[in-house]
């Protein structure tokens, strides 16, 4: 097997299965915030910038 055909094989794998893998990762990351039980974590993250650093010390 020459280096040219090895390159072609790796390029073909990256073009096909690499695209499938990136598509699956993209879908998982897009759907992750909508999983069951994530509401509390999402609400905490959304409101964390409004919390004062000294809220617990009063």
PDB file of N, CA and C in Angstrom:
ATOM      1  N   UNK A   1       0.857  -1.175   0.000  1.00  0.00           N
ATOM      2  CA  UNK A   1       0.000   0.000   0.000  1.00  0.00           C
ATOM      3  C   UNK A   1       0.903   1.238   0.000  1.00  0.00           C
ATOM      4  N   UNK A   2       0.704   2.092  -0.958  1.00  0.00           N
ATOM      5  CA  UNK A   2       1.528   3.287  -1.035  1.00  0.00           C
ATOM      6  C   UNK A   2       0.982   4.375  -0.125  1.00  0.00           C
ATOM      7  N   UNK A   3       1.802   5.401   0.092  1.00  0.00           N
ATOM      8  CA  UNK A   3       1.366   6.487   0.969  1.00  0.00           C
ATOM      9  C   UNK A   3       0.207   7.256   0.358  1.00  0.00           C
ATOM     10  N   UNK A   4       0.139   7.293  -0.962  1.00  0.00           N
ATOM     11  CA  UNK A   4      -0.959   8.005  -1.613  1.00  0.00           C
ATOM     12  C   UNK A   4      -2.287   7.313  -1.315  1.00  0.00           C
ATOM     13  N   UNK A   5      -2.337   5.996  -1.373  1.00  0.00           N
ATOM     14  CA  UNK A   5      -3.590   5.299  -1.103  1.00  0.00           C
ATOM     15  C   UNK A   5      -3.933   5.334   0.393  1.00  0.00           C
ATOM     16  N   UNK A   6      -2.927   5.360   1.260  1.00  0.00           N
ATOM     17  CA  UNK A   6      -3.188   5.509   2.694  1.00  0.00           C
ATOM     18  C   UNK A   6      -3.799   6.876   2.966  1.00  0.00           C
ATOM     19  N   UNK A   7      -3.270   7.902   2.325  1.00  0.00           N
ATOM     20  CA  UNK A   7      -3.827   9.243   2.461  1.00  0.00           C
ATOM     21  C   UNK A   7      -5.270   9.274   1.973  1.00  0.00           C
ATOM     22  N   UNK A   8      -5.535   8.656   0.840  1.00  0.00           N
ATOM     23  CA  UNK A   8      -6.897   8.628   0.301  1.00  0.00           C
ATOM     24  C   UNK A   8      -7.847   7.904   1.243  1.00  0.00           C
ATOM     25  N   UNK A   9      -7.394   6.802   1.829  1.00  0.00           N
ATOM     26  CA  UNK A   9      -8.223   6.055   2.770  1.00  0.00           C
ATOM     27  C   UNK A   9      -8.528   6.883   4.014  1.00  0.00           C
ATOM     28  N   UNK A  10      -7.517   7.524   4.586  1.00  0.00           N
ATOM     29  CA  UNK A  10      -7.734   8.354   5.772  1.00  0.00           C
ATOM     30  C   UNK A  10      -8.618   9.555   5.459  1.00  0.00           C
ATOM     31  N   UNK A  11      -8.446  10.131   4.279  1.00  0.00           N
ATOM     32  CA  UNK A  11      -9.288  11.267   3.888  1.00  0.00           C
ATOM     33  C   UNK A  11     -10.733  10.826   3.720  1.00  0.00           C
ATOM     34  N   UNK A  12     -10.948   9.674   3.129  1.00  0.00           N
ATOM     35  CA  UNK A  12     -12.306   9.157   2.959  1.00  0.00           C
ATOM     36  C   UNK A  12     -12.962   8.885   4.316  1.00  0.00           C
ATOM     37  N   UNK A  13     -12.221   8.300   5.247  1.00  0.00           N
ATOM     38  CA  UNK A  13     -12.759   8.041   6.585  1.00  0.00           C
ATOM     39  C   UNK A  13     -13.097   9.340   7.301  1.00  0.00           C
ATOM     40  N   UNK A  14     -12.240  10.346   7.161  1.00  0.00           N
ATOM     41  CA  UNK A  14     -12.498  11.638   7.810  1.00  0.00           C
ATOM     42  C   UNK A  14     -13.704  12.317   7.175  1.00  0.00           C
ATOM     43  N   UNK A  15     -13.850  12.213   5.873  1.00  0.00           N
ATOM     44  CA  UNK A  15     -14.979  12.839   5.183  1.00  0.00           C
ATOM     45  C   UNK A  15     -16.300  12.193   5.549  1.00  0.00           C
ATOM     46  N   UNK A  16     -16.313  10.887   5.735  1.00  0.00           N
ATOM     47  CA  UNK A  16     -17.584  10.203   5.994  1.00  0.00           C
ATOM     48  C   UNK A  16     -17.834  10.046   7.491  1.00  0.00           C
ATOM     49  N   UNK A  17     -17.026   9.258   8.163  1.00  0.00           N
ATOM     50  CA  UNK A  17     -17.270   8.961   9.579  1.00  0.00           C
ATOM     51  C   UNK A  17     -16.944  10.142  10.477  1.00  0.00           C
ATOM     52  N   UNK A  18     -16.019  10.983  10.071  1.00  0.00           N
ATOM     53  CA  UNK A  18     -15.732  12.195  10.836  1.00  0.00           C
ATOM     54  C   UNK A  18     -16.929  13.130  10.839  1.00  0.00           C
ATOM     55  N   UNK A  19     -17.586  13.251   9.693  1.00  0.00           N
ATOM     56  CA  UNK A  19     -18.779  14.085   9.597  1.00  0.00           C
ATOM     57  C   UNK A  19     -19.914  13.504  10.443  1.00  0.00           C
ATOM     58  N   UNK A  20     -20.068  12.203  10.436  1.00  0.00           N
ATOM     59  CA  UNK A  20     -21.105  11.558  11.249  1.00  0.00           C
ATOM     60  C   UNK A  20     -20.822  11.784  12.734  1.00  0.00           C
ATOM     61  N   UNK A  21     -19.573  11.615  13.142  1.00  0.00           N
ATOM     62  CA  UNK A  21     -19.214  11.802  14.550  1.00  0.00           C
ATOM     63  C   UNK A  21     -19.441  13.246  14.987  1.00  0.00           C
ATOM     64  N   UNK A  22     -19.043  14.218  14.160  1.00  0.00           N
ATOM     65  CA  UNK A  22     -19.253  15.624  14.513  1.00  0.00           C
ATOM     66  C   UNK A  22     -20.735  15.962  14.559  1.00  0.00           C
ATOM     67  N   UNK A  23     -21.538  15.350  13.692  1.00  0.00           N
ATOM     68  CA  UNK A  23     -22.982  15.570  13.718  1.00  0.00           C
ATOM     69  C   UNK A  23     -23.611  15.042  14.993  1.00  0.00           C
ATOM     70  N   UNK A  24     -23.180  13.878  15.437  1.00  0.00           N
ATOM     71  CA  UNK A  24     -23.699  13.294  16.674  1.00  0.00           C
ATOM     72  C   UNK A  24     -23.302  14.150  17.873  1.00  0.00           C
ATOM     73  N   UNK A  25     -22.050  14.592  17.926  1.00  0.00           N
ATOM     74  CA  UNK A  25     -21.594  15.451  19.022  1.00  0.00           C
ATOM     75  C   UNK A  25     -22.392  16.753  19.030  1.00  0.00           C
ATOM     76  N   UNK A  26     -22.646  17.329  17.868  1.00  0.00           N
ATOM     77  CA  UNK A  26     -23.416  18.563  17.771  1.00  0.00           C
ATOM     78  C   UNK A  26     -24.830  18.358  18.314  1.00  0.00           C
ATOM     79  N   UNK A  27     -25.483  17.284  17.926  1.00  0.00           N
ATOM     80  CA  UNK A  27     -26.840  17.022  18.409  1.00  0.00           C
ATOM     81  C   UNK A  27     -26.874  16.799  19.920  1.00  0.00           C
ATOM     82  N   UNK A  28     -25.907  16.059  20.437  1.00  0.00           N
ATOM     83  CA  UNK A  28     -25.857  15.815  21.888  1.00  0.00           C
ATOM     84  C   UNK A  28     -25.669  17.129  22.636  1.00  0.00           C
ATOM     85  N   UNK A  29     -24.764  17.986  22.165  1.00  0.00           N
ATOM     86  CA  UNK A  29     -24.530  19.255  22.845  1.00  0.00           C
ATOM     87  C   UNK A  29     -25.731  20.192  22.743  1.00  0.00           C
ATOM     88  N   UNK A  30     -26.459  20.146  21.637  1.00  0.00           N
ATOM     89  CA  UNK A  30     -27.657  20.979  21.497  1.00  0.00           C
ATOM     90  C   UNK A  30     -28.792  20.496  22.388  1.00  0.00           C
ATOM     91  N   UNK A  31     -28.906  19.201  22.575  1.00  0.00           N
ATOM     92  CA  UNK A  31     -30.008  18.640  23.359  1.00  0.00           C
ATOM     93  C   UNK A  31     -29.684  18.515  24.844  1.00  0.00           C
ATOM     94  N   UNK A  32     -28.428  18.639  25.232  1.00  0.00           N
ATOM     95  CA  UNK A  32     -27.993  18.456  26.622  1.00  0.00           C
ATOM     96  C   UNK A  32     -28.756  19.337  27.612  1.00  0.00           C
ATOM     97  N   UNK A  33     -28.986  20.617  27.354  1.00  0.00           N
ATOM     98  CA  UNK A  33     -29.709  21.450  28.329  1.00  0.00           C
ATOM     99  C   UNK A  33     -31.171  21.060  28.503  1.00  0.00           C
ATOM    100  N   UNK A  34     -31.726  20.302  27.572  1.00  0.00           N
ATOM    101  CA  UNK A  34     -33.135  19.939  27.630  1.00  0.00           C
ATOM    102  C   UNK A  34     -33.374  18.562  28.231  1.00  0.00           C
ATOM    103  N   UNK A  35     -32.345  17.951  28.791  1.00  0.00           N
ATOM    104  CA  UNK A  35     -32.504  16.624  29.380  1.00  0.00           C
ATOM    105  C   UNK A  35     -33.328  16.733  30.659  1.00  0.00           C
ATOM    106  N   UNK A  36     -33.985  15.646  31.046  1.00  0.00           N
ATOM    107  CA  UNK A  36     -34.776  15.677  32.280  1.00  0.00           C
ATOM    108  C   UNK A  36     -33.890  15.964  33.498  1.00  0.00           C
ATOM    109  N   UNK A  37     -34.369  16.806  34.381  1.00  0.00           N
ATOM    110  CA  UNK A  37     -33.635  17.116  35.590  1.00  0.00           C
ATOM    111  C   UNK A  37     -32.617  18.233  35.452  1.00  0.00           C
ATOM    112  N   UNK A  38     -32.516  18.847  34.298  1.00  0.00           N
ATOM    113  CA  UNK A  38     -31.519  19.888  34.090  1.00  0.00           C
ATOM    114  C   UNK A  38     -32.046  21.278  34.417  1.00  0.00           C
ATOM    115  N   UNK A  39     -33.314  21.407  34.744  1.00  0.00           N
ATOM    116  CA  UNK A  39     -33.908  22.725  34.956  1.00  0.00           C
ATOM    117  C   UNK A  39     -33.227  23.476  36.107  1.00  0.00           C
ATOM    118  N   UNK A  40     -32.959  22.792  37.218  1.00  0.00           N
ATOM    119  CA  UNK A  40     -32.349  23.461  38.370  1.00  0.00           C
ATOM    120  C   UNK A  40     -30.965  23.990  38.010  1.00  0.00           C
ATOM    121  N   UNK A  41     -30.166  23.174  37.374  1.00  0.00           N
ATOM    122  CA  UNK A  41     -28.821  23.585  36.977  1.00  0.00           C
ATOM    123  C   UNK A  41     -28.874  24.736  35.978  1.00  0.00           C
ATOM    124  N   UNK A  42     -29.790  24.663  35.029  1.00  0.00           N
ATOM    125  CA  UNK A  42     -29.917  25.730  34.032  1.00  0.00           C
ATOM    126  C   UNK A  42     -30.370  27.032  34.682  1.00  0.00           C
ATOM    127  N   UNK A  43     -31.312  26.953  35.622  1.00  0.00           N
ATOM    128  CA  UNK A  43     -31.772  28.162  36.309  1.00  0.00           C
ATOM    129  C   UNK A  43     -30.655  28.792  37.141  1.00  0.00           C
ATOM    130  N   UNK A  44     -29.872  27.966  37.822  1.00  0.00           N
ATOM    131  CA  UNK A  44     -28.740  28.483  38.603  1.00  0.00           C
ATOM    132  C   UNK A  44     -27.723  29.178  37.697  1.00  0.00           C
ATOM    133  N   UNK A  45     -27.434  28.581  36.555  1.00  0.00           N
ATOM    134  CA  UNK A  45     -26.474  29.174  35.627  1.00  0.00           C
ATOM    135  C   UNK A  45     -27.013  30.484  35.048  1.00  0.00           C
ATOM    136  N   UNK A  46     -28.305  30.518  34.780  1.00  0.00           N
ATOM    137  CA  UNK A  46     -28.896  31.718  34.180  1.00  0.00           C
ATOM    138  C   UNK A  46     -28.939  32.888  35.151  1.00  0.00           C
ATOM    139  N   UNK A  47     -29.078  32.623  36.442  1.00  0.00           N
ATOM    140  CA  UNK A  47     -29.210  33.707  37.417  1.00  0.00           C
ATOM    141  C   UNK A  47     -27.942  33.949  38.228  1.00  0.00           C
ATOM    142  N   UNK A  48     -26.878  33.224  37.941  1.00  0.00           N
ATOM    143  CA  UNK A  48     -25.658  33.337  38.746  1.00  0.00           C
ATOM    144  C   UNK A  48     -25.016  34.716  38.640  1.00  0.00           C
ATOM    145  N   UNK A  49     -25.183  35.395  37.523  1.00  0.00           N
ATOM    146  CA  UNK A  49     -24.555  36.716  37.383  1.00  0.00           C
ATOM    147  C   UNK A  49     -25.244  37.776  38.230  1.00  0.00           C
ATOM    148  N   UNK A  50     -26.439  37.496  38.720  1.00  0.00           N
ATOM    149  CA  UNK A  50     -27.181  38.460  39.520  1.00  0.00           C
ATOM    150  C   UNK A  50     -26.955  38.275  41.017  1.00  0.00           C
ATOM    151  N   UNK A  51     -26.244  37.215  41.396  1.00  0.00           N
ATOM    152  CA  UNK A  51     -25.991  36.949  42.815  1.00  0.00           C
ATOM    153  C   UNK A  51     -24.824  37.792  43.288  1.00  0.00           C
ATOM    154  N   UNK A  52     -24.988  38.382  44.466  1.00  0.00           N
ATOM    155  CA  UNK A  52     -23.923  39.168  45.067  1.00  0.00           C
ATOM    156  C   UNK A  52     -22.945  38.226  45.746  1.00  0.00           C
ATOM    157  N   UNK A  53     -21.677  38.543  45.713  1.00  0.00           N
ATOM    158  CA  UNK A  53     -20.673  37.692  46.349  1.00  0.00           C
ATOM    159  C   UNK A  53     -20.879  37.605  47.853  1.00  0.00           C
ATOM    160  N   UNK A  54     -21.497  38.611  48.453  1.00  0.00           N
ATOM    161  CA  UNK A  54     -21.658  38.646  49.895  1.00  0.00           C
ATOM    162  C   UNK A  54     -23.069  38.271  50.351  1.00  0.00           C
ATOM    163  N   UNK A  55     -23.853  37.610  49.515  1.00  0.00           N
ATOM    164  CA  UNK A  55     -25.230  37.256  49.885  1.00  0.00           C
ATOM    165  C   UNK A  55     -25.273  36.366  51.129  1.00  0.00           C
ATOM    166  N   UNK A  56     -24.347  35.458  51.275  1.00  0.00           N
ATOM    167  CA  UNK A  56     -24.368  34.531  52.400  1.00  0.00           C
ATOM    168  C   UNK A  56     -23.862  35.114  53.695  1.00  0.00           C
ATOM    169  N   UNK A  57     -23.229  36.284  53.653  1.00  0.00           N
ATOM    170  CA  UNK A  57     -22.608  36.852  54.847  1.00  0.00           C
ATOM    171  C   UNK A  57     -23.512  37.815  55.609  1.00  0.00           C
ATOM    172  N   UNK A  58     -24.667  38.137  55.106  1.00  0.00           N
ATOM    173  CA  UNK A  58     -25.558  39.103  55.753  1.00  0.00           C
ATOM    174  C   UNK A  58     -26.372  38.495  56.827  1.00  0.00           C
TER     175      UNK A  58
END
